Amino acid sequence: MVETAKQGIQMLADRVLVQIPRAEGERKSRAGILIPATAQVARRLTWAEVVAVGPHVRAVKPGDQVLFNPEDRFEVEVQGEDYLILRERDIHAVASERVADGTGLYL
């Protein structure tokens, strides 16, 4: 039996590796109505946490929360965990403690 060593992942070019929180499946409306994961809302943007970035990514760092269109992604499984690969240009917004000036909205 051959054991394989775990390998690190380095993103290339302008690619960003993100992970959507597991609690994203079900959500509640402002009125408290539970919306199941199977109810898809067309053209709804999604938040995810950045895990790794390529060398040409300038505005995003690991640990940031990013807003993106779920249709502009590639899915990948690494060691049993599900991740998404995005291009930096497909990210619409970044939420992080290091972003000083913004819209005045906070997560």
PDB file of N, CA and C in Angstrom:
ATOM      1  N   MET A   1       0.841  -1.172   0.000  1.00  0.00           N
ATOM      2  CA  MET A   1       0.000   0.000   0.000  1.00  0.00           C
ATOM      3  C   MET A   1       0.891   1.243   0.000  1.00  0.00           C
ATOM      4  N   VAL A   2       0.622   2.160  -0.904  1.00  0.00           N
ATOM      5  CA  VAL A   2       1.422   3.365  -1.041  1.00  0.00           C
ATOM      6  C   VAL A   2       0.664   4.544  -0.430  1.00  0.00           C
ATOM      7  N   GLU A   3       1.290   5.245   0.496  1.00  0.00           N
ATOM      8  CA  GLU A   3       0.672   6.430   1.084  1.00  0.00           C
ATOM      9  C   GLU A   3       1.127   7.652   0.306  1.00  0.00           C
ATOM     10  N   THR A   4       0.187   8.532   0.021  1.00  0.00           N
ATOM     11  CA  THR A   4       0.555   9.758  -0.679  1.00  0.00           C
ATOM     12  C   THR A   4       0.610  10.896   0.329  1.00  0.00           C
ATOM     13  N   ALA A   5       1.619  11.708   0.220  1.00  0.00           N
ATOM     14  CA  ALA A   5       1.761  12.860   1.110  1.00  0.00           C
ATOM     15  C   ALA A   5       0.820  13.963   0.656  1.00  0.00           C
ATOM     16  N   LYS A   6       0.332  14.731   1.608  1.00  0.00           N
ATOM     17  CA  LYS A   6      -0.543  15.849   1.266  1.00  0.00           C
ATOM     18  C   LYS A   6       0.283  16.922   0.571  1.00  0.00           C
ATOM     19  N   GLN A   7      -0.267  17.466  -0.487  1.00  0.00           N
ATOM     20  CA  GLN A   7       0.434  18.482  -1.250  1.00  0.00           C
ATOM     21  C   GLN A   7      -0.243  19.825  -1.060  1.00  0.00           C
ATOM     22  N   GLY A   8       0.540  20.869  -0.999  1.00  0.00           N
ATOM     23  CA  GLY A   8      -0.010  22.211  -0.923  1.00  0.00           C
ATOM     24  C   GLY A   8      -0.555  22.641  -2.273  1.00  0.00           C
ATOM     25  N   ILE A   9      -1.472  23.583  -2.242  1.00  0.00           N
ATOM     26  CA  ILE A   9      -2.064  24.083  -3.484  1.00  0.00           C
ATOM     27  C   ILE A   9      -1.642  25.525  -3.678  1.00  0.00           C
ATOM     28  N   GLN A  10      -1.147  25.827  -4.865  1.00  0.00           N
ATOM     29  CA  GLN A  10      -0.785  27.191  -5.226  1.00  0.00           C
ATOM     30  C   GLN A  10      -1.649  27.591  -6.405  1.00  0.00           C
ATOM     31  N   MET A  11      -2.413  28.649  -6.245  1.00  0.00           N
ATOM     32  CA  MET A  11      -3.262  29.123  -7.326  1.00  0.00           C
ATOM     33  C   MET A  11      -2.396  29.856  -8.347  1.00  0.00           C
ATOM     34  N   LEU A  12      -2.783  29.797  -9.608  1.00  0.00           N
ATOM     35  CA  LEU A  12      -2.019  30.418 -10.676  1.00  0.00           C
ATOM     36  C   LEU A  12      -2.738  31.651 -11.220  1.00  0.00           C
ATOM     37  N   ALA A  13      -1.983  32.548 -11.797  1.00  0.00           N
ATOM     38  CA  ALA A  13      -2.488  33.746 -12.491  1.00  0.00           C
ATOM     39  C   ALA A  13      -3.450  34.539 -11.620  1.00  0.00           C
ATOM     40  N   ASP A  14      -4.659  34.797 -12.134  1.00  0.00           N
ATOM     41  CA  ASP A  14      -5.624  35.636 -11.415  1.00  0.00           C
ATOM     42  C   ASP A  14      -6.722  34.801 -10.772  1.00  0.00           C
ATOM     43  N   ARG A  15      -6.419  33.548 -10.428  1.00  0.00           N
ATOM     44  CA  ARG A  15      -7.430  32.658  -9.866  1.00  0.00           C
ATOM     45  C   ARG A  15      -7.523  32.822  -8.352  1.00  0.00           C
ATOM     46  N   VAL A  16      -8.763  32.633  -7.844  1.00  0.00           N
ATOM     47  CA  VAL A  16      -9.053  32.749  -6.418  1.00  0.00           C
ATOM     48  C   VAL A  16      -9.782  31.481  -5.993  1.00  0.00           C
ATOM     49  N   LEU A  17      -9.303  30.828  -4.937  1.00  0.00           N
ATOM     50  CA  LEU A  17      -9.951  29.640  -4.394  1.00  0.00           C
ATOM     51  C   LEU A  17     -10.811  30.075  -3.214  1.00  0.00           C
ATOM     52  N   VAL A  18     -12.115  29.779  -3.270  1.00  0.00           N
ATOM     53  CA  VAL A  18     -13.034  30.187  -2.208  1.00  0.00           C
ATOM     54  C   VAL A  18     -13.825  28.990  -1.715  1.00  0.00           C
ATOM     55  N   GLN A  19     -14.397  29.146  -0.527  1.00  0.00           N
ATOM     56  CA  GLN A  19     -15.250  28.111   0.038  1.00  0.00           C
ATOM     57  C   GLN A  19     -16.520  28.773   0.551  1.00  0.00           C
ATOM     58  N   ILE A  20     -17.672  28.232   0.133  1.00  0.00           N
ATOM     59  CA  ILE A  20     -18.955  28.755   0.591  1.00  0.00           C
ATOM     60  C   ILE A  20     -19.263  28.117   1.937  1.00  0.00           C
ATOM     61  N   PRO A  21     -19.666  28.912   2.922  1.00  0.00           N
ATOM     62  CA  PRO A  21     -20.008  28.333   4.233  1.00  0.00           C
ATOM     63  C   PRO A  21     -21.104  27.276   4.100  1.00  0.00           C
ATOM     64  N   ARG A  22     -21.041  26.231   4.894  1.00  0.00           N
ATOM     65  CA  ARG A  22     -22.010  25.136   4.819  1.00  0.00           C
ATOM     66  C   ARG A  22     -23.421  25.605   5.170  1.00  0.00           C
ATOM     67  N   ALA A  23     -23.569  26.645   5.945  1.00  0.00           N
ATOM     68  CA  ALA A  23     -24.888  27.147   6.359  1.00  0.00           C
ATOM     69  C   ALA A  23     -25.598  27.900   5.242  1.00  0.00           C
ATOM     70  N   GLU A  24     -24.978  27.983   4.055  1.00  0.00           N
ATOM     71  CA  GLU A  24     -25.574  28.721   2.949  1.00  0.00           C
ATOM     72  C   GLU A  24     -26.784  28.019   2.355  1.00  0.00           C
ATOM     73  N   GLY A  25     -26.996  26.742   2.667  1.00  0.00           N
ATOM     74  CA  GLY A  25     -28.090  25.999   2.072  1.00  0.00           C
ATOM     75  C   GLY A  25     -29.442  26.626   2.352  1.00  0.00           C
ATOM     76  N   GLU A  26     -29.856  26.617   3.611  1.00  0.00           N
ATOM     77  CA  GLU A  26     -31.133  27.213   3.978  1.00  0.00           C
ATOM     78  C   GLU A  26     -30.888  28.630   4.470  1.00  0.00           C
ATOM     79  N   ARG A  27     -31.849  29.483   4.245  1.00  0.00           N
ATOM     80  CA  ARG A  27     -31.729  30.855   4.728  1.00  0.00           C
ATOM     81  C   ARG A  27     -33.102  31.351   5.126  1.00  0.00           C
ATOM     82  N   LYS A  28     -33.135  32.442   5.892  1.00  0.00           N
ATOM     83  CA  LYS A  28     -34.403  33.023   6.341  1.00  0.00           C
ATOM     84  C   LYS A  28     -34.599  34.382   5.704  1.00  0.00           C
ATOM     85  N   SER A  29     -35.851  34.675   5.386  1.00  0.00           N
ATOM     86  CA  SER A  29     -36.181  36.001   4.877  1.00  0.00           C
ATOM     87  C   SER A  29     -36.222  36.963   6.060  1.00  0.00           C
ATOM     88  N   ARG A  30     -36.336  38.255   5.800  1.00  0.00           N
ATOM     89  CA  ARG A  30     -36.419  39.236   6.886  1.00  0.00           C
ATOM     90  C   ARG A  30     -37.643  39.014   7.757  1.00  0.00           C
ATOM     91  N   ALA A  31     -38.684  38.452   7.181  1.00  0.00           N
ATOM     92  CA  ALA A  31     -39.910  38.180   7.935  1.00  0.00           C
ATOM     93  C   ALA A  31     -39.814  36.885   8.732  1.00  0.00           C
ATOM     94  N   GLY A  32     -38.708  36.139   8.592  1.00  0.00           N
ATOM     95  CA  GLY A  32     -38.515  34.917   9.348  1.00  0.00           C
ATOM     96  C   GLY A  32     -38.955  33.657   8.638  1.00  0.00           C
ATOM     97  N   ILE A  33     -39.297  33.750   7.371  1.00  0.00           N
ATOM     98  CA  ILE A  33     -39.723  32.585   6.605  1.00  0.00           C
ATOM     99  C   ILE A  33     -38.486  31.794   6.181  1.00  0.00           C
ATOM    100  N   LEU A  34     -38.494  30.487   6.460  1.00  0.00           N
ATOM    101  CA  LEU A  34     -37.375  29.622   6.101  1.00  0.00           C
ATOM    102  C   LEU A  34     -37.437  29.292   4.618  1.00  0.00           C
ATOM    103  N   ILE A  35     -36.348  29.588   3.889  1.00  0.00           N
ATOM    104  CA  ILE A  35     -36.266  29.317   2.451  1.00  0.00           C
ATOM    105  C   ILE A  35     -35.319  28.133   2.274  1.00  0.00           C
ATOM    106  N   PRO A  36     -35.816  26.985   1.765  1.00  0.00           N
ATOM    107  CA  PRO A  36     -34.963  25.798   1.633  1.00  0.00           C
ATOM    108  C   PRO A  36     -33.883  25.984   0.576  1.00  0.00           C
ATOM    109  N   ALA A  37     -32.852  25.148   0.676  1.00  0.00           N
ATOM    110  CA  ALA A  37     -31.727  25.225  -0.259  1.00  0.00           C
ATOM    111  C   ALA A  37     -32.154  24.908  -1.682  1.00  0.00           C
ATOM    112  N   THR A  38     -33.231  24.145  -1.838  1.00  0.00           N
ATOM    113  CA  THR A  38     -33.680  23.766  -3.177  1.00  0.00           C
ATOM    114  C   THR A  38     -34.364  24.913  -3.909  1.00  0.00           C
ATOM    115  N   ALA A  39     -34.750  25.955  -3.188  1.00  0.00           N
ATOM    116  CA  ALA A  39     -35.390  27.114  -3.829  1.00  0.00           C
ATOM    117  C   ALA A  39     -34.293  28.023  -4.367  1.00  0.00           C
ATOM    118  N   GLN A  40     -34.068  28.004  -5.646  1.00  0.00           N
ATOM    119  CA  GLN A  40     -33.033  28.813  -6.276  1.00  0.00           C
ATOM    120  C   GLN A  40     -33.604  30.168  -6.699  1.00  0.00           C
ATOM    121  N   VAL A  41     -32.903  31.216  -6.370  1.00  0.00           N
ATOM    122  CA  VAL A  41     -33.298  32.548  -6.799  1.00  0.00           C
ATOM    123  C   VAL A  41     -32.419  32.915  -7.987  1.00  0.00           C
ATOM    124  N   ALA A  42     -33.032  33.239  -9.106  1.00  0.00           N
ATOM    125  CA  ALA A  42     -32.270  33.561 -10.312  1.00  0.00           C
ATOM    126  C   ALA A  42     -31.426  34.812 -10.108  1.00  0.00           C
ATOM    127  N   ARG A  43     -30.219  34.756 -10.603  1.00  0.00           N
ATOM    128  CA  ARG A  43     -29.286  35.885 -10.597  1.00  0.00           C
ATOM    129  C   ARG A  43     -28.970  36.406  -9.191  1.00  0.00           C
ATOM    130  N   ARG A  44     -28.970  35.546  -8.195  1.00  0.00           N
ATOM    131  CA  ARG A  44     -28.626  35.929  -6.834  1.00  0.00           C
ATOM    132  C   ARG A  44     -27.120  35.771  -6.638  1.00  0.00           C
ATOM    133  N   LEU A  45     -26.461  36.811  -6.140  1.00  0.00           N
ATOM    134  CA  LEU A  45     -25.032  36.740  -5.868  1.00  0.00           C
ATOM    135  C   LEU A  45     -24.797  36.036  -4.539  1.00  0.00           C
ATOM    136  N   THR A  46     -23.615  35.466  -4.356  1.00  0.00           N
ATOM    137  CA  THR A  46     -23.302  34.649  -3.189  1.00  0.00           C
ATOM    138  C   THR A  46     -22.014  35.127  -2.530  1.00  0.00           C
ATOM    139  N   TRP A  47     -21.956  35.032  -1.193  1.00  0.00           N
ATOM    140  CA  TRP A  47     -20.746  35.344  -0.433  1.00  0.00           C
ATOM    141  C   TRP A  47     -19.959  34.063  -0.189  1.00  0.00           C
ATOM    142  N   ALA A  48     -18.629  34.172  -0.212  1.00  0.00           N
ATOM    143  CA  ALA A  48     -17.757  33.032   0.093  1.00  0.00           C
ATOM    144  C   ALA A  48     -16.482  33.563   0.729  1.00  0.00           C
ATOM    145  N   GLU A  49     -15.752  32.682   1.417  1.00  0.00           N
ATOM    146  CA  GLU A  49     -14.489  33.061   2.052  1.00  0.00           C
ATOM    147  C   GLU A  49     -13.322  32.654   1.162  1.00  0.00           C
ATOM    148  N   VAL A  50     -12.368  33.571   0.994  1.00  0.00           N
ATOM    149  CA  VAL A  50     -11.184  33.309   0.174  1.00  0.00           C
ATOM    150  C   VAL A  50     -10.224  32.407   0.952  1.00  0.00           C
ATOM    151  N   VAL A  51      -9.777  31.336   0.300  1.00  0.00           N
ATOM    152  CA  VAL A  51      -8.849  30.387   0.901  1.00  0.00           C
ATOM    153  C   VAL A  51      -7.432  30.609   0.374  1.00  0.00           C
ATOM    154  N   ALA A  52      -7.305  30.844  -0.941  1.00  0.00           N
ATOM    155  CA  ALA A  52      -5.990  31.043  -1.557  1.00  0.00           C
ATOM    156  C   ALA A  52      -6.149  31.928  -2.788  1.00  0.00           C
ATOM    157  N   VAL A  53      -5.066  32.633  -3.135  1.00  0.00           N
ATOM    158  CA  VAL A  53      -5.086  33.516  -4.309  1.00  0.00           C
ATOM    159  C   VAL A  53      -3.848  33.280  -5.159  1.00  0.00           C
ATOM    160  N   GLY A  54      -3.973  33.557  -6.454  1.00  0.00           N
ATOM    161  CA  GLY A  54      -2.853  33.450  -7.380  1.00  0.00           C
ATOM    162  C   GLY A  54      -1.948  34.671  -7.279  1.00  0.00           C
ATOM    163  N   PRO A  55      -0.785  34.627  -7.904  1.00  0.00           N
ATOM    164  CA  PRO A  55       0.191  35.717  -7.790  1.00  0.00           C
ATOM    165  C   PRO A  55      -0.237  37.020  -8.463  1.00  0.00           C
ATOM    166  N   HIS A  56      -1.183  36.982  -9.385  1.00  0.00           N
ATOM    167  CA  HIS A  56      -1.608  38.201 -10.076  1.00  0.00           C
ATOM    168  C   HIS A  56      -2.881  38.803  -9.496  1.00  0.00           C
ATOM    169  N   VAL A  57      -3.359  38.270  -8.377  1.00  0.00           N
ATOM    170  CA  VAL A  57      -4.550  38.811  -7.713  1.00  0.00           C
ATOM    171  C   VAL A  57      -4.103  39.979  -6.851  1.00  0.00           C
ATOM    172  N   ARG A  58      -4.760  41.136  -7.040  1.00  0.00           N
ATOM    173  CA  ARG A  58      -4.318  42.346  -6.349  1.00  0.00           C
ATOM    174  C   ARG A  58      -5.236  42.804  -5.227  1.00  0.00           C
ATOM    175  N   ALA A  59      -6.551  42.623  -5.354  1.00  0.00           N
ATOM    176  CA  ALA A  59      -7.488  43.246  -4.417  1.00  0.00           C
ATOM    177  C   ALA A  59      -8.052  42.285  -3.373  1.00  0.00           C
ATOM    178  N   VAL A  60      -7.672  41.025  -3.419  1.00  0.00           N
ATOM    179  CA  VAL A  60      -8.265  40.027  -2.530  1.00  0.00           C
ATOM    180  C   VAL A  60      -7.161  39.280  -1.801  1.00  0.00           C
ATOM    181  N   LYS A  61      -7.386  39.006  -0.519  1.00  0.00           N
ATOM    182  CA  LYS A  61      -6.426  38.262   0.300  1.00  0.00           C
ATOM    183  C   LYS A  61      -7.137  37.078   0.955  1.00  0.00           C
ATOM    184  N   PRO A  62      -6.398  36.022   1.323  1.00  0.00           N
ATOM    185  CA  PRO A  62      -7.026  34.913   2.050  1.00  0.00           C
ATOM    186  C   PRO A  62      -7.693  35.416   3.330  1.00  0.00           C
ATOM    187  N   GLY A  63      -8.894  34.905   3.599  1.00  0.00           N
ATOM    188  CA  GLY A  63      -9.657  35.329   4.767  1.00  0.00           C
ATOM    189  C   GLY A  63     -10.728  36.358   4.453  1.00  0.00           C
ATOM    190  N   ASP A  64     -10.629  37.030   3.288  1.00  0.00           N
ATOM    191  CA  ASP A  64     -11.644  38.008   2.875  1.00  0.00           C
ATOM    192  C   ASP A  64     -12.945  37.297   2.517  1.00  0.00           C
ATOM    193  N   GLN A  65     -14.048  38.009   2.617  1.00  0.00           N
ATOM    194  CA  GLN A  65     -15.341  37.550   2.119  1.00  0.00           C
ATOM    195  C   GLN A  65     -15.553  38.218   0.768  1.00  0.00           C
ATOM    196  N   VAL A  66     -15.930  37.447  -0.238  1.00  0.00           N
ATOM    197  CA  VAL A  66     -16.133  38.007  -1.576  1.00  0.00           C
ATOM    198  C   VAL A  66     -17.538  37.695  -2.074  1.00  0.00           C
ATOM    199  N   LEU A  67     -18.066  38.606  -2.884  1.00  0.00           N
ATOM    200  CA  LEU A  67     -19.387  38.474  -3.476  1.00  0.00           C
ATOM    201  C   LEU A  67     -19.208  38.150  -4.954  1.00  0.00           C
ATOM    202  N   PHE A  68     -19.866  37.081  -5.417  1.00  0.00           N
ATOM    203  CA  PHE A  68     -19.692  36.660  -6.808  1.00  0.00           C
ATOM    204  C   PHE A  68     -20.977  36.042  -7.326  1.00  0.00           C
ATOM    205  N   ASN A  69     -21.054  35.890  -8.639  1.00  0.00           N
ATOM    206  CA  ASN A  69     -22.184  35.237  -9.291  1.00  0.00           C
ATOM    207  C   ASN A  69     -21.920  33.735  -9.293  1.00  0.00           C
ATOM    208  N   PRO A  70     -22.803  32.922  -8.710  1.00  0.00           N
ATOM    209  CA  PRO A  70     -22.560  31.480  -8.650  1.00  0.00           C
ATOM    210  C   PRO A  70     -22.431  30.804 -10.017  1.00  0.00           C
ATOM    211  N   GLU A  71     -22.881  31.447 -11.082  1.00  0.00           N
ATOM    212  CA  GLU A  71     -22.764  30.853 -12.408  1.00  0.00           C
ATOM    213  C   GLU A  71     -21.353  31.000 -12.983  1.00  0.00           C
ATOM    214  N   ASP A  72     -20.536  31.915 -12.445  1.00  0.00           N
ATOM    215  CA  ASP A  72     -19.176  32.167 -12.945  1.00  0.00           C
ATOM    216  C   ASP A  72     -18.144  31.434 -12.091  1.00  0.00           C
ATOM    217  N   ARG A  73     -18.224  30.105 -12.050  1.00  0.00           N
ATOM    218  CA  ARG A  73     -17.337  29.371 -11.152  1.00  0.00           C
ATOM    219  C   ARG A  73     -17.008  27.999 -11.703  1.00  0.00           C
ATOM    220  N   PHE A  74     -15.971  27.416 -11.116  1.00  0.00           N
ATOM    221  CA  PHE A  74     -15.596  26.031 -11.368  1.00  0.00           C
ATOM    222  C   PHE A  74     -15.528  25.354 -10.009  1.00  0.00           C
ATOM    223  N   GLU A  75     -16.151  24.190  -9.870  1.00  0.00           N
ATOM    224  CA  GLU A  75     -16.161  23.470  -8.604  1.00  0.00           C
ATOM    225  C   GLU A  75     -15.022  22.462  -8.583  1.00  0.00           C
ATOM    226  N   VAL A  76     -14.431  22.279  -7.388  1.00  0.00           N
ATOM    227  CA  VAL A  76     -13.348  21.312  -7.221  1.00  0.00           C
ATOM    228  C   VAL A  76     -13.443  20.728  -5.807  1.00  0.00           C
ATOM    229  N   GLU A  77     -13.066  19.458  -5.675  1.00  0.00           N
ATOM    230  CA  GLU A  77     -13.010  18.813  -4.367  1.00  0.00           C
ATOM    231  C   GLU A  77     -11.555  18.541  -4.036  1.00  0.00           C
ATOM    232  N   VAL A  78     -11.127  18.988  -2.866  1.00  0.00           N
ATOM    233  CA  VAL A  78      -9.747  18.785  -2.420  1.00  0.00           C
ATOM    234  C   VAL A  78      -9.802  18.152  -1.037  1.00  0.00           C
ATOM    235  N   GLN A  79      -9.290  16.942  -0.916  1.00  0.00           N
ATOM    236  CA  GLN A  79      -9.239  16.201   0.344  1.00  0.00           C
ATOM    237  C   GLN A  79     -10.602  16.181   1.035  1.00  0.00           C
ATOM    238  N   GLY A  80     -11.659  15.928   0.272  1.00  0.00           N
ATOM    239  CA  GLY A  80     -12.990  15.805   0.829  1.00  0.00           C
ATOM    240  C   GLY A  80     -13.730  17.113   1.069  1.00  0.00           C
ATOM    241  N   GLU A  81     -13.103  18.240   0.809  1.00  0.00           N
ATOM    242  CA  GLU A  81     -13.728  19.557   0.985  1.00  0.00           C
ATOM    243  C   GLU A  81     -14.086  20.130  -0.378  1.00  0.00           C
ATOM    244  N   ASP A  82     -15.227  20.795  -0.477  1.00  0.00           N
ATOM    245  CA  ASP A  82     -15.651  21.425  -1.726  1.00  0.00           C
ATOM    246  C   ASP A  82     -15.202  22.877  -1.776  1.00  0.00           C
ATOM    247  N   TYR A  83     -14.617  23.261  -2.899  1.00  0.00           N
ATOM    248  CA  TYR A  83     -14.146  24.632  -3.115  1.00  0.00           C
ATOM    249  C   TYR A  83     -14.628  25.111  -4.481  1.00  0.00           C
ATOM    250  N   LEU A  84     -14.514  26.407  -4.703  1.00  0.00           N
ATOM    251  CA  LEU A  84     -14.825  27.010  -5.995  1.00  0.00           C
ATOM    252  C   LEU A  84     -13.610  27.769  -6.474  1.00  0.00           C
ATOM    253  N   ILE A  85     -13.390  27.768  -7.776  1.00  0.00           N
ATOM    254  CA  ILE A  85     -12.303  28.551  -8.366  1.00  0.00           C
ATOM    255  C   ILE A  85     -12.941  29.666  -9.184  1.00  0.00           C
ATOM    256  N   LEU A  86     -12.538  30.897  -8.886  1.00  0.00           N
ATOM    257  CA  LEU A  86     -13.046  32.081  -9.576  1.00  0.00           C
ATOM    258  C   LEU A  86     -11.886  32.837 -10.195  1.00  0.00           C
ATOM    259  N   ARG A  87     -12.186  33.698 -11.124  1.00  0.00           N
ATOM    260  CA  ARG A  87     -11.219  34.677 -11.603  1.00  0.00           C
ATOM    261  C   ARG A  87     -11.445  35.953 -10.801  1.00  0.00           C
ATOM    262  N   GLU A  88     -10.392  36.702 -10.582  1.00  0.00           N
ATOM    263  CA  GLU A  88     -10.538  37.936  -9.803  1.00  0.00           C
ATOM    264  C   GLU A  88     -11.557  38.881 -10.444  1.00  0.00           C
ATOM    265  N   ARG A  89     -11.609  38.928 -11.755  1.00  0.00           N
ATOM    266  CA  ARG A  89     -12.535  39.835 -12.435  1.00  0.00           C
ATOM    267  C   ARG A  89     -13.994  39.429 -12.254  1.00  0.00           C
ATOM    268  N   ASP A  90     -14.257  38.181 -11.816  1.00  0.00           N
ATOM    269  CA  ASP A  90     -15.629  37.720 -11.571  1.00  0.00           C
ATOM    270  C   ASP A  90     -16.122  38.062 -10.168  1.00  0.00           C
ATOM    271  N   ILE A  91     -15.277  38.657  -9.350  1.00  0.00           N
ATOM    272  CA  ILE A  91     -15.656  39.043  -7.986  1.00  0.00           C
ATOM    273  C   ILE A  91     -16.223  40.457  -8.027  1.00  0.00           C
ATOM    274  N   HIS A  92     -17.410  40.620  -7.439  1.00  0.00           N
ATOM    275  CA  HIS A  92     -18.101  41.903  -7.480  1.00  0.00           C
ATOM    276  C   HIS A  92     -17.791  42.800  -6.284  1.00  0.00           C
ATOM    277  N   ALA A  93     -17.484  42.221  -5.123  1.00  0.00           N
ATOM    278  CA  ALA A  93     -17.219  43.020  -3.922  1.00  0.00           C
ATOM    279  C   ALA A  93     -16.348  42.221  -2.965  1.00  0.00           C
ATOM    280  N   VAL A  94     -15.632  42.944  -2.093  1.00  0.00           N
ATOM    281  CA  VAL A  94     -14.779  42.333  -1.078  1.00  0.00           C
ATOM    282  C   VAL A  94     -15.148  42.928   0.271  1.00  0.00           C
ATOM    283  N   ALA A  95     -15.342  42.076   1.259  1.00  0.00           N
ATOM    284  CA  ALA A  95     -15.597  42.517   2.631  1.00  0.00           C
ATOM    285  C   ALA A  95     -14.466  41.998   3.498  1.00  0.00           C
ATOM    286  N   SER A  96     -13.759  42.918   4.142  1.00  0.00           N
ATOM    287  CA  SER A  96     -12.665  42.512   5.023  1.00  0.00           C
ATOM    288  C   SER A  96     -12.392  43.643   6.000  1.00  0.00           C
ATOM    289  N   GLU A  97     -11.713  43.309   7.082  1.00  0.00           N
ATOM    290  CA  GLU A  97     -11.376  44.319   8.093  1.00  0.00           C
ATOM    291  C   GLU A  97     -10.370  45.332   7.562  1.00  0.00           C
ATOM    292  N   ARG A  98      -9.564  44.957   6.585  1.00  0.00           N
ATOM    293  CA  ARG A  98      -8.544  45.868   6.077  1.00  0.00           C
ATOM    294  C   ARG A  98      -9.082  46.876   5.068  1.00  0.00           C
ATOM    295  N   VAL A  99     -10.325  46.693   4.565  1.00  0.00           N
ATOM    296  CA  VAL A  99     -10.924  47.644   3.624  1.00  0.00           C
ATOM    297  C   VAL A  99     -11.433  48.815   4.453  1.00  0.00           C
ATOM    298  N   ALA A 100     -10.799  49.970   4.305  1.00  0.00           N
ATOM    299  CA  ALA A 100     -11.124  51.119   5.146  1.00  0.00           C
ATOM    300  C   ALA A 100     -12.358  51.873   4.647  1.00  0.00           C
ATOM    301  N   ASP A 101     -12.351  52.306   3.414  1.00  0.00           N
ATOM    302  CA  ASP A 101     -13.460  53.078   2.885  1.00  0.00           C
ATOM    303  C   ASP A 101     -14.364  52.154   2.084  1.00  0.00           C
ATOM    304  N   GLY A 102     -15.659  52.299   2.304  1.00  0.00           N
ATOM    305  CA  GLY A 102     -16.592  51.440   1.592  1.00  0.00           C
ATOM    306  C   GLY A 102     -17.927  52.122   1.457  1.00  0.00           C
ATOM    307  N   THR A 103     -18.964  51.344   1.456  1.00  0.00           N
ATOM    308  CA  THR A 103     -20.310  51.863   1.247  1.00  0.00           C
ATOM    309  C   THR A 103     -20.969  52.300   2.537  1.00  0.00           C
ATOM    310  N   GLY A 104     -20.380  51.962   3.680  1.00  0.00           N
ATOM    311  CA  GLY A 104     -21.034  52.227   4.956  1.00  0.00           C
ATOM    312  C   GLY A 104     -21.833  51.031   5.423  1.00  0.00           C
ATOM    313  N   LEU A 105     -21.885  49.965   4.622  1.00  0.00           N
ATOM    314  CA  LEU A 105     -22.569  48.741   4.986  1.00  0.00           C
ATOM    315  C   LEU A 105     -21.568  47.787   5.615  1.00  0.00           C
ATOM    316  N   TYR A 106     -22.009  47.010   6.569  1.00  0.00           N
ATOM    317  CA  TYR A 106     -21.117  46.073   7.256  1.00  0.00           C
ATOM    318  C   TYR A 106     -21.767  44.716   7.347  1.00  0.00           C
ATOM    319  N   LEU A 107     -20.968  43.654   7.283  1.00  0.00           N
ATOM    320  CA  LEU A 107     -21.505  42.296   7.440  1.00  0.00           C
ATOM    321  C   LEU A 107     -21.617  41.967   8.899  1.00  0.00           C
TER     322      LEU A 107
END
